[in-house]
Amino acid sequence: MSDAAHLLLVDDDERIRQLLQKFLMRHGFIVTTAREAAHARRLLEGLEFDLIILDVMMPGEDGVSLCKSLRAELGTPILLLTAKAETGDRISGLEAGADDYLGKPFEPKELLLRINAILRRTPSAEPAPVRPKVLHLGGIRYDTDRGEMWAGDDPVRLTATESQLMRIFSARVGEVLTRAHLVEELGRAGGQAQERAVDVQITRLRRKIESDPRQPRYLQTVRGAGYLLAPD
């Protein structure tokens, strides 16, 4: 059990807490429960978790508010549970920083599948690589913190999708990123989510950073694998 993921389940309904705790423990997880937001905060002060499962409709501080507050401090994945299944409520939860959203009522097996999917996407804890604040692409500078691109003293205007692509590539400089990975990342951010659309966006981005977009030096194609960003 030492390698079992530790989950924090926050729900004001005692019956649901107990049922889900037993179910998830039967499937190999360590599960700690909290009855409301304040209780969860106290637990988080002394314990580390691999995933937080939050009910949205709780007395006092609701799950969306708690999610937004935690996201400002923690990178721990968050899954929201709620009886509200309207699109607007799902969007509010995702905008607050949730990694996924499951409407009640739900089958416990679906919750299990979503938990496992989130944990598979979450990298194992290891020191974060130090990335440069500014990437140099010939005469182009890209500020990784601000997400701004400059050609000399002139700003280079990026579309929302181009900006998201630069953030994705700058986080993994020198690594080959597959089209499927780019589709997934752009889809999470509400951008283009088709492989052919990704190719089009790459072509447009190259026009802004390459002296010869037909023979890219910085945003390279790795045949049969994907793309990589190779700054100076």
Protein backbone atom coordinates (compact mmCIF):
# COMPACT_ATOMS: atom_id res chain seq x y z
CA MET A 1 0.00 0.00 0.00
CA SER A 2 3.00 2.31 0.24
CA ASP A 3 2.60 3.17 -3.45
CA ALA A 4 -1.17 3.67 -3.22
CA ALA A 5 -2.47 7.09 -4.19
CA HIS A 6 -3.78 9.15 -1.25
CA LEU A 7 -7.13 10.79 -1.95
CA LEU A 8 -8.88 13.54 -0.03
CA LEU A 9 -12.68 13.26 -0.30
CA VAL A 10 -14.60 16.37 0.75
CA ASP A 11 -18.40 16.00 1.01
CA ASP A 12 -20.90 17.18 3.62
CA ASP A 13 -23.07 14.07 3.12
CA GLU A 14 -21.81 11.49 5.61
CA ARG A 15 -23.47 8.57 3.83
CA ILE A 16 -21.80 9.45 0.52
CA ARG A 17 -18.45 9.96 2.24
CA GLN A 18 -18.58 6.53 3.82
CA LEU A 19 -19.79 4.74 0.70
CA LEU A 20 -17.16 6.31 -1.56
CA GLN A 21 -14.40 5.85 1.00
CA LYS A 22 -15.12 2.11 1.27
CA PHE A 23 -15.45 1.72 -2.50
CA LEU A 24 -12.19 3.53 -3.28
CA MET A 25 -10.27 1.75 -0.53
CA ARG A 26 -11.41 -1.58 -1.99
CA HIS A 27 -9.75 -0.47 -5.20
CA GLY A 28 -6.41 0.18 -3.56
CA PHE A 29 -6.53 3.87 -2.62
CA ILE A 30 -5.79 5.51 0.71
CA VAL A 31 -8.78 7.75 1.41
CA THR A 32 -9.04 10.57 3.96
CA THR A 33 -12.39 12.33 4.28
CA ALA A 34 -13.45 15.84 5.26
CA ARG A 35 -16.99 17.05 6.00
CA GLU A 36 -16.56 20.64 4.75
CA ALA A 37 -14.05 23.16 3.41
CA ALA A 38 -12.60 24.26 6.75
CA HIS A 39 -11.99 20.62 7.72
CA ALA A 40 -10.29 20.02 4.36
CA ARG A 41 -8.01 23.01 4.86
CA ARG A 42 -6.88 21.69 8.24
CA LEU A 43 -6.05 18.30 6.71
CA LEU A 44 -4.14 19.91 3.84
CA GLU A 45 -1.95 21.82 6.30
CA GLY A 46 -0.45 18.55 7.56
CA LEU A 47 -0.92 16.00 4.78
CA GLU A 48 -0.08 15.69 1.09
CA PHE A 49 -2.58 14.15 -1.32
CA ASP A 50 -2.38 12.81 -4.86
CA LEU A 51 -5.93 13.91 -5.72
CA ILE A 52 -8.69 15.98 -4.11
CA ILE A 53 -12.35 15.08 -4.72
CA LEU A 54 -14.61 18.04 -3.89
CA ASP A 55 -18.37 18.21 -3.62
CA VAL A 56 -19.58 21.56 -4.97
CA MET A 57 -22.73 21.99 -2.90
CA MET A 58 -21.50 22.28 0.68
CA PRO A 59 -22.61 24.55 3.53
CA GLY A 60 -20.31 27.52 4.12
CA GLU A 61 -17.57 27.70 1.53
CA ASP A 62 -18.67 25.79 -1.57
CA GLY A 63 -16.49 23.46 -3.62
CA VAL A 64 -15.88 25.85 -6.52
CA SER A 65 -14.65 28.58 -4.17
CA LEU A 66 -12.44 26.11 -2.31
CA CYS A 67 -11.12 24.75 -5.61
CA LYS A 68 -10.16 28.22 -6.80
CA SER A 69 -8.44 29.01 -3.50
CA LEU A 70 -6.51 25.72 -3.44
CA ARG A 71 -5.46 26.03 -7.05
CA ALA A 72 -3.67 29.28 -6.22
CA GLU A 73 -1.53 27.37 -3.73
CA LEU A 74 -1.40 23.73 -4.83
CA GLY A 75 -0.82 21.77 -8.01
CA THR A 76 -2.72 18.76 -6.67
CA PRO A 77 -5.34 17.51 -9.19
CA ILE A 78 -8.94 18.34 -8.25
CA LEU A 79 -12.10 16.49 -9.30
CA LEU A 80 -15.42 18.23 -8.63
CA LEU A 81 -18.64 16.36 -7.75
CA THR A 82 -21.97 18.11 -7.93
CA ALA A 83 -25.68 17.63 -8.41
CA LYS A 84 -25.54 20.57 -10.83
CA ALA A 85 -24.89 19.25 -14.31
CA GLU A 86 -25.63 22.35 -16.40
CA THR A 87 -22.95 23.47 -18.84
CA GLY A 88 -22.48 26.79 -17.02
CA ASP A 89 -21.73 25.03 -13.76
CA ARG A 90 -19.23 22.72 -15.41
CA ILE A 91 -17.49 25.70 -16.97
CA SER A 92 -17.38 27.51 -13.61
CA GLY A 93 -15.71 24.51 -12.02
CA LEU A 94 -13.13 24.15 -14.77
CA GLU A 95 -12.41 27.87 -14.74
CA ALA A 96 -11.78 27.58 -10.99
CA GLY A 97 -8.96 25.13 -11.77
CA ALA A 98 -10.63 21.73 -11.54
CA ASP A 99 -9.06 18.95 -13.61
CA ASP A 100 -12.35 17.16 -14.16
CA TYR A 101 -16.04 17.39 -13.30
CA LEU A 102 -18.57 14.64 -12.54
CA GLY A 103 -22.28 15.31 -12.11
CA LYS A 104 -24.42 13.49 -9.56
CA PRO A 105 -25.84 10.92 -9.61
CA PHE A 106 -22.97 8.87 -10.99
CA GLU A 107 -21.84 5.28 -11.02
CA PRO A 108 -18.91 4.66 -8.63
CA LYS A 109 -17.12 2.89 -11.47
CA GLU A 110 -17.21 6.09 -13.53
CA LEU A 111 -15.65 7.99 -10.63
CA LEU A 112 -12.95 5.32 -10.43
CA LEU A 113 -12.22 5.61 -14.15
CA ARG A 114 -11.96 9.40 -13.95
CA ILE A 115 -9.66 9.23 -10.92
CA ASN A 116 -7.35 6.79 -12.68
CA ALA A 117 -7.36 8.93 -15.84
CA ILE A 118 -6.35 12.04 -13.87
CA LEU A 119 -3.61 10.20 -12.00
CA ARG A 120 -2.20 8.84 -15.26
CA ARG A 121 -1.93 12.39 -16.60
CA THR A 122 -0.27 13.65 -13.43
CA PRO A 123 3.55 13.42 -13.50
CA SER A 124 5.22 11.72 -10.57
CA ALA A 125 6.72 14.08 -8.04
CA GLU A 126 10.23 15.10 -9.01
CA PRO A 127 12.18 18.34 -9.03
CA ALA A 128 10.74 20.65 -11.65
CA PRO A 129 13.28 21.50 -14.36
CA VAL A 130 14.45 25.08 -14.34
CA ARG A 131 13.33 26.69 -17.56
CA PRO A 132 14.73 29.95 -18.89
CA LYS A 133 12.61 33.06 -18.48
CA VAL A 134 13.31 34.16 -22.05
CA LEU A 135 13.70 31.94 -25.12
CA HIS A 136 15.68 33.29 -28.07
CA LEU A 137 14.56 32.24 -31.53
CA GLY A 138 16.93 34.14 -33.78
CA GLY A 139 15.66 37.72 -33.75
CA ILE A 140 12.56 36.72 -31.78
CA ARG A 141 12.34 36.74 -27.98
CA TYR A 142 9.65 34.84 -26.07
CA ASP A 143 8.98 35.65 -22.39
CA THR A 144 7.88 32.34 -20.86
CA ASP A 145 6.38 33.95 -17.75
CA ARG A 146 4.36 36.62 -19.50
CA GLY A 147 3.62 34.64 -22.64
CA GLU A 148 4.79 37.61 -24.73
CA MET A 149 6.74 37.53 -27.99
CA TRP A 150 8.95 40.35 -29.28
CA ALA A 151 10.87 41.11 -32.46
CA GLY A 152 13.40 43.68 -31.27
CA ASP A 153 11.32 46.35 -29.53
CA ASP A 154 8.14 45.43 -31.39
CA PRO A 155 5.58 43.04 -29.91
CA VAL A 156 4.55 40.07 -32.04
CA ARG A 157 0.81 39.58 -31.87
CA LEU A 158 -0.20 35.97 -31.21
CA THR A 159 -3.67 34.48 -31.52
CA ALA A 160 -5.07 32.66 -28.48
CA THR A 161 -4.20 29.29 -30.01
CA GLU A 162 -0.69 30.38 -31.02
CA SER A 163 -0.12 31.71 -27.52
CA GLN A 164 -1.25 28.41 -26.01
CA LEU A 165 1.03 26.47 -28.36
CA MET A 166 4.00 28.58 -27.30
CA ARG A 167 3.22 27.93 -23.65
CA ILE A 168 3.03 24.19 -24.31
CA PHE A 169 6.30 24.07 -26.25
CA SER A 170 8.18 26.40 -23.88
CA ALA A 171 7.29 24.17 -20.94
CA ARG A 172 9.01 21.22 -22.67
CA VAL A 173 11.81 22.76 -24.70
CA GLY A 174 13.73 20.24 -26.78
CA GLU A 175 11.15 17.49 -26.32
CA VAL A 176 9.19 15.97 -29.16
CA LEU A 177 5.48 16.58 -28.62
CA THR A 178 3.08 14.42 -30.59
CA ARG A 179 0.08 15.82 -32.42
CA ALA A 180 -2.15 13.84 -30.08
CA HIS A 181 -0.54 15.52 -27.06
CA LEU A 182 -0.97 18.96 -28.60
CA VAL A 183 -4.61 18.20 -29.42
CA GLU A 184 -5.22 17.18 -25.80
CA GLU A 185 -3.50 20.26 -24.35
CA LEU A 186 -5.24 22.67 -26.71
CA GLY A 187 -8.58 21.00 -26.07
CA ARG A 188 -8.24 21.56 -22.32
CA ALA A 189 -7.66 25.24 -22.95
CA GLY A 190 -10.63 25.51 -25.30
CA GLY A 191 -8.46 25.83 -28.41
CA GLN A 192 -8.27 23.87 -31.65
CA ALA A 193 -8.66 20.16 -30.92
CA GLN A 194 -8.06 18.33 -34.20
CA GLU A 195 -4.73 17.08 -35.52
CA ARG A 196 -5.14 18.76 -38.91
CA ALA A 197 -6.02 22.02 -37.19
CA VAL A 198 -2.85 21.71 -35.10
CA ASP A 199 -0.79 21.44 -38.30
CA VAL A 200 -2.41 24.63 -39.61
CA GLN A 201 -1.68 26.48 -36.36
CA ILE A 202 1.94 25.30 -36.40
CA THR A 203 2.31 26.64 -39.95
CA ARG A 204 0.91 30.02 -38.89
CA LEU A 205 3.12 30.18 -35.82
CA ARG A 206 6.20 29.43 -37.92
CA ARG A 207 5.47 32.48 -40.06
CA LYS A 208 5.96 34.59 -36.95
CA ILE A 209 9.12 32.99 -35.56
CA GLU A 210 11.02 31.57 -38.55
CA SER A 211 13.05 33.50 -41.13
CA ASP A 212 12.13 30.74 -43.61
CA PRO A 213 8.93 28.97 -42.48
CA ARG A 214 9.39 26.34 -45.23
CA GLN A 215 12.69 25.27 -43.62
CA PRO A 216 12.00 25.79 -39.90
CA ARG A 217 14.99 26.13 -37.62
CA TYR A 218 13.22 26.61 -34.28
CA LEU A 219 9.81 24.91 -34.47
CA GLN A 220 10.92 21.67 -36.05
CA THR A 221 8.99 18.72 -37.45
CA VAL A 222 10.21 15.31 -36.31
CA ARG A 223 9.02 12.98 -39.03
CA GLY A 224 6.62 10.34 -37.76
CA ALA A 225 6.74 11.71 -34.21
CA GLY A 226 5.57 15.30 -33.88
CA TYR A 227 7.08 18.72 -33.25
CA LEU A 228 9.75 20.20 -31.01
CA LEU A 229 10.86 23.70 -30.07
CA ALA A 230 14.65 24.20 -30.30
CA PRO A 231 15.61 27.75 -29.25
CA ASP A 232 19.15 29.15 -29.52
